C-alpha atoms as a PDB file:
ATOM      1  CA  UNK A   1      -8.241 -11.296   2.409  1.00  0.00           C
ATOM      2  CA  UNK A   2      -7.395  -8.214   4.442  1.00  0.00           C
ATOM      3  CA  UNK A   3      -5.633  -5.704   2.228  1.00  0.00           C
ATOM      4  CA  UNK A   4      -3.667  -2.776   3.589  1.00  0.00           C
ATOM      5  CA  UNK A   5      -3.131  -0.120   0.908  1.00  0.00           C
ATOM      6  CA  UNK A   6      -0.594   2.575   1.786  1.00  0.00           C
ATOM      7  CA  UNK A   7       0.653   5.632  -0.032  1.00  0.00           C
ATOM      8  CA  UNK A   8       4.389   6.033   0.523  1.00  0.00           C
ATOM      9  CA  UNK A   9       5.605   8.597   3.022  1.00  0.00           C
ATOM     10  CA  UNK A  10       6.747  12.122   2.185  1.00  0.00           C
ATOM     11  CA  UNK A  11       9.786  11.965  -0.106  1.00  0.00           C
ATOM     12  CA  UNK A  12      12.542  14.423  -0.890  1.00  0.00           C
ATOM     13  CA  UNK A  13      12.046  16.417  -4.102  1.00  0.00           C
ATOM     14  CA  UNK A  14      13.492  15.031  -7.318  1.00  0.00           C
ATOM     15  CA  UNK A  15      15.711  18.136  -7.532  1.00  0.00           C
ATOM     16  CA  UNK A  16      17.410  17.025  -4.286  1.00  0.00           C
ATOM     17  CA  UNK A  17      17.719  13.310  -5.130  1.00  0.00           C
ATOM     18  CA  UNK A  18      16.345  11.722  -8.310  1.00  0.00           C
ATOM     19  CA  UNK A  19      15.796   8.398  -6.497  1.00  0.00           C
ATOM     20  CA  UNK A  20      13.397  10.239  -4.111  1.00  0.00           C
ATOM     21  CA  UNK A  21      13.994   8.506  -0.769  1.00  0.00           C
ATOM     22  CA  UNK A  22      11.798   9.330   2.191  1.00  0.00           C
ATOM     23  CA  UNK A  23      12.537  12.686   3.773  1.00  0.00           C
ATOM     24  CA  UNK A  24      13.413  12.806   7.474  1.00  0.00           C
ATOM     25  CA  UNK A  25       9.867  13.976   8.167  1.00  0.00           C
ATOM     26  CA  UNK A  26       8.449  11.220   5.970  1.00  0.00           C
ATOM     27  CA  UNK A  27      10.508   8.542   7.691  1.00  0.00           C
ATOM     28  CA  UNK A  28       9.390   9.838  11.102  1.00  0.00           C
ATOM     29  CA  UNK A  29       5.726   9.958  10.084  1.00  0.00           C
ATOM     30  CA  UNK A  30       5.794   6.418   8.651  1.00  0.00           C
ATOM     31  CA  UNK A  31       7.560   5.161  11.775  1.00  0.00           C
ATOM     32  CA  UNK A  32       4.763   6.685  13.880  1.00  0.00           C
ATOM     33  CA  UNK A  33       2.114   5.030  11.669  1.00  0.00           C
ATOM     34  CA  UNK A  34       3.983   1.721  11.935  1.00  0.00           C
ATOM     35  CA  UNK A  35       4.060   1.951  15.726  1.00  0.00           C
ATOM     36  CA  UNK A  36       0.351   2.734  15.854  1.00  0.00           C
ATOM     37  CA  UNK A  37      -0.630  -0.087  13.463  1.00  0.00           C
ATOM     38  CA  UNK A  38       1.860  -2.816  14.368  1.00  0.00           C
ATOM     39  CA  UNK A  39      -0.487  -4.638  16.723  1.00  0.00           C
ATOM     40  CA  UNK A  40      -3.529  -4.070  14.485  1.00  0.00           C
ATOM     41  CA  UNK A  41      -1.970  -5.411  11.279  1.00  0.00           C
ATOM     42  CA  UNK A  42      -1.355  -8.874  12.671  1.00  0.00           C
ATOM     43  CA  UNK A  43       0.922 -11.312  10.861  1.00  0.00           C
ATOM     44  CA  UNK A  44       1.455 -10.214   7.272  1.00  0.00           C
ATOM     45  CA  UNK A  45       1.514 -12.933   4.623  1.00  0.00           C
ATOM     46  CA  UNK A  46       2.799 -10.637   1.878  1.00  0.00           C
ATOM     47  CA  UNK A  47       4.293  -7.156   1.604  1.00  0.00           C
ATOM     48  CA  UNK A  48       4.604  -5.575  -1.851  1.00  0.00           C
ATOM     49  CA  UNK A  49       5.751  -2.240  -3.237  1.00  0.00           C
ATOM     50  CA  UNK A  50       6.220  -0.503  -6.573  1.00  0.00           C
ATOM     51  CA  UNK A  51       9.999  -0.804  -6.550  1.00  0.00           C
ATOM     52  CA  UNK A  52      10.509   2.934  -6.239  1.00  0.00           C
ATOM     53  CA  UNK A  53      12.812   3.845  -3.359  1.00  0.00           C
ATOM     54  CA  UNK A  54      10.240   5.819  -1.320  1.00  0.00           C
ATOM     55  CA  UNK A  55       7.726   2.975  -1.570  1.00  0.00           C
ATOM     56  CA  UNK A  56      10.350   0.360  -0.641  1.00  0.00           C
ATOM     57  CA  UNK A  57      11.440   2.340   2.412  1.00  0.00           C
ATOM     58  CA  UNK A  58       7.810   2.764   3.511  1.00  0.00           C
ATOM     59  CA  UNK A  59       7.150  -0.970   3.034  1.00  0.00           C
ATOM     60  CA  UNK A  60      10.266  -1.882   5.017  1.00  0.00           C
ATOM     61  CA  UNK A  61       9.296   0.329   7.964  1.00  0.00           C
ATOM     62  CA  UNK A  62       5.705  -0.937   8.107  1.00  0.00           C
ATOM     63  CA  UNK A  63       6.607  -4.550   7.401  1.00  0.00           C
ATOM     64  CA  UNK A  64       9.364  -4.625  10.018  1.00  0.00           C
ATOM     65  CA  UNK A  65       6.985  -3.213  12.648  1.00  0.00           C
ATOM     66  CA  UNK A  66       4.650  -6.146  11.920  1.00  0.00           C
ATOM     67  CA  UNK A  67       7.490  -8.701  11.985  1.00  0.00           C
ATOM     68  CA  UNK A  68       7.738  -9.167   8.200  1.00  0.00           C
ATOM     69  CA  UNK A  69      11.285  -9.685   6.866  1.00  0.00           C
ATOM     70  CA  UNK A  70      12.511  -6.896   4.545  1.00  0.00           C
ATOM     71  CA  UNK A  71      14.067  -9.451   2.168  1.00  0.00           C
ATOM     72  CA  UNK A  72      10.604 -10.968   1.614  1.00  0.00           C
ATOM     73  CA  UNK A  73       9.112  -7.788   0.128  1.00  0.00           C
ATOM     74  CA  UNK A  74       7.859  -8.291  -3.432  1.00  0.00           C
ATOM     75  CA  UNK A  75       8.175  -5.634  -6.129  1.00  0.00           C
ATOM     76  CA  UNK A  76       5.351  -5.199  -8.636  1.00  0.00           C
ATOM     77  CA  UNK A  77       4.627  -2.710 -11.408  1.00  0.00           C
ATOM     78  CA  UNK A  78       0.949  -3.091 -10.431  1.00  0.00           C
ATOM     79  CA  UNK A  79       1.689  -0.537  -7.669  1.00  0.00           C
ATOM     80  CA  UNK A  80       3.530   2.001  -9.832  1.00  0.00           C
ATOM     81  CA  UNK A  81       2.176   5.583 -10.045  1.00  0.00           C
ATOM     82  CA  UNK A  82       0.127   5.130 -13.217  1.00  0.00           C
ATOM     83  CA  UNK A  83      -0.718   1.446 -12.903  1.00  0.00           C
ATOM     84  CA  UNK A  84      -4.143   0.304 -13.996  1.00  0.00           C
ATOM     85  CA  UNK A  85      -6.350  -1.147 -11.225  1.00  0.00           C
ATOM     86  CA  UNK A  86      -6.903  -4.233 -13.404  1.00  0.00           C
ATOM     87  CA  UNK A  87      -3.160  -4.968 -13.213  1.00  0.00           C
ATOM     88  CA  UNK A  88      -3.410  -4.823  -9.425  1.00  0.00           C
ATOM     89  CA  UNK A  89      -6.417  -7.167  -9.419  1.00  0.00           C
ATOM     90  CA  UNK A  90      -4.356  -9.623 -11.481  1.00  0.00           C
ATOM     91  CA  UNK A  91      -1.492  -9.294  -8.965  1.00  0.00           C
ATOM     92  CA  UNK A  92      -3.882 -10.104  -6.105  1.00  0.00           C
ATOM     93  CA  UNK A  93      -5.297 -13.073  -8.021  1.00  0.00           C
ATOM     94  CA  UNK A  94      -1.749 -14.432  -8.337  1.00  0.00           C
ATOM     95  CA  UNK A  95      -1.452 -14.212  -4.525  1.00  0.00           C
ATOM     96  CA  UNK A  96      -5.000 -15.266  -3.673  1.00  0.00           C
ATOM     97  CA  UNK A  97      -3.898 -17.720  -0.982  1.00  0.00           C
ATOM     98  CA  UNK A  98      -2.572 -14.844   1.135  1.00  0.00           C
ATOM     99  CA  UNK A  99      -4.847 -13.626   3.915  1.00  0.00           C
ATOM    100  CA  UNK A 100      -3.163 -10.439   5.152  1.00  0.00           C
ATOM    101  CA  UNK A 101      -1.444  -8.306   2.522  1.00  0.00           C
ATOM    102  CA  UNK A 102       0.276  -4.898   2.754  1.00  0.00           C
ATOM    103  CA  UNK A 103       0.861  -2.955  -0.483  1.00  0.00           C
ATOM    104  CA  UNK A 104       2.673   0.378  -0.808  1.00  0.00           C
ATOM    105  CA  UNK A 105       2.141   2.528  -3.880  1.00  0.00           C
ATOM    106  CA  UNK A 106       1.668   6.014  -5.268  1.00  0.00           C
ATOM    107  CA  UNK A 107      -0.872   8.473  -6.532  1.00  0.00           C
ATOM    108  CA  UNK A 108      -2.943   8.303  -8.575  1.00  0.00           C
ATOM    109  CA  UNK A 109      -2.976   4.497  -8.753  1.00  0.00           C
ATOM    110  CA  UNK A 110      -3.339   3.713  -5.029  1.00  0.00           C
ATOM    111  CA  UNK A 111      -6.543   5.786  -4.848  1.00  0.00           C
ATOM    112  CA  UNK A 112      -7.867   4.217  -8.051  1.00  0.00           C
ATOM    113  CA  UNK A 113      -7.135   0.726  -6.719  1.00  0.00           C
ATOM    114  CA  UNK A 114      -9.022   1.433  -3.485  1.00  0.00           C
ATOM    115  CA  UNK A 115     -11.958   2.895  -5.407  1.00  0.00           C
ATOM    116  CA  UNK A 116     -12.067  -0.093  -7.738  1.00  0.00           C
ATOM    117  CA  UNK A 117     -12.163  -2.540  -4.843  1.00  0.00           C
ATOM    118  CA  UNK A 118     -14.861  -0.605  -2.980  1.00  0.00           C
ATOM    119  CA  UNK A 119     -17.291   0.080  -5.828  1.00  0.00           C
ATOM    120  CA  UNK A 120     -18.113  -1.886  -8.990  1.00  0.00           C
ATOM    121  CA  UNK A 121     -19.142   1.247 -10.913  1.00  0.00           C
ATOM    122  CA  UNK A 122     -19.170   4.706  -9.362  1.00  0.00           C
ATOM    123  CA  UNK A 123     -15.777   5.882  -8.105  1.00  0.00           C
ATOM    124  CA  UNK A 124     -15.220   6.255  -4.384  1.00  0.00           C
ATOM    125  CA  UNK A 125     -13.139   9.349  -3.719  1.00  0.00           C
ATOM    126  CA  UNK A 126     -10.486   8.730  -1.078  1.00  0.00           C
ATOM    127  CA  UNK A 127      -7.789  11.354  -0.515  1.00  0.00           C
ATOM    128  CA  UNK A 128      -4.481   9.573   0.058  1.00  0.00           C
ATOM    129  CA  UNK A 129      -1.995  11.955   1.628  1.00  0.00           C
ATOM    130  CA  UNK A 130       1.595  10.828   2.199  1.00  0.00           C
ATOM    131  CA  UNK A 131       1.526   7.834   4.554  1.00  0.00           C
ATOM    132  CA  UNK A 132      -2.248   7.314   4.341  1.00  0.00           C
ATOM    133  CA  UNK A 133      -3.406   3.799   5.191  1.00  0.00           C
ATOM    134  CA  UNK A 134      -6.534   2.070   3.911  1.00  0.00           C
ATOM    135  CA  UNK A 135      -7.650  -1.356   5.128  1.00  0.00           C
ATOM    136  CA  UNK A 136     -10.072  -3.207   2.899  1.00  0.00           C
ATOM    137  CA  UNK A 137     -11.549  -6.629   3.620  1.00  0.00           C
ATOM    138  CA  UNK A 138     -12.015  -8.476   0.341  1.00  0.00           C
ATOM    139  CA  UNK A 139     -14.766 -11.055   0.017  1.00  0.00           C
ATOM    140  CA  UNK A 140     -13.657 -11.472  -3.620  1.00  0.00           C
ATOM    141  CA  UNK A 141     -10.804 -10.125  -5.734  1.00  0.00           C
ATOM    142  CA  UNK A 142     -12.947  -8.118  -8.120  1.00  0.00           C
ATOM    143  CA  UNK A 143     -14.339  -4.624  -8.634  1.00  0.00           C
ATOM    144  CA  UNK A 144     -16.567  -3.827  -5.684  1.00  0.00           C
ATOM    145  CA  UNK A 145     -15.431  -6.929  -3.802  1.00  0.00           C
ATOM    146  CA  UNK A 146     -14.226  -5.043  -0.730  1.00  0.00           C
ATOM    147  CA  UNK A 147     -15.441  -3.388   2.436  1.00  0.00           C
ATOM    148  CA  UNK A 148     -13.630  -0.363   3.913  1.00  0.00           C
ATOM    149  CA  UNK A 149     -12.527  -1.090   7.485  1.00  0.00           C
ATOM    150  CA  UNK A 150     -10.036   1.730   8.085  1.00  0.00           C
ATOM    151  CA  UNK A 151      -8.866   4.889   6.405  1.00  0.00           C
ATOM    152  CA  UNK A 152      -6.353   7.207   8.023  1.00  0.00           C
END
């Protein structure tokens, strides 16, 4: 399985809008990332997000650029800000037949998920800024079952 882990784009502050949609700058930055990655992502078998507005908007932009229908995006709590990596592993197990998966989440969980997949014990420190993309090839859905192919 090729797994694309993405931190949502820059969002407006909660004091401006409690639903925290992407800011204009965030939308522009994610659109640029989508344009750059569209040909590299290939055909996506599954796109998932946390259900929070900023993650959904990020998933829609990236998924659309790769030809994935917005109405096919799956929402999962396994990508929420404080989700446990084990919950995400269970989510992947449920979708094990998928070969190319894009998941949009938040800090700190997205970094913890990547670390979990890349190392069975010692944490791997990856700094996920807004709109960061990590591609991991999974030989097995388990701790340390992945190989880092891209991080930007």
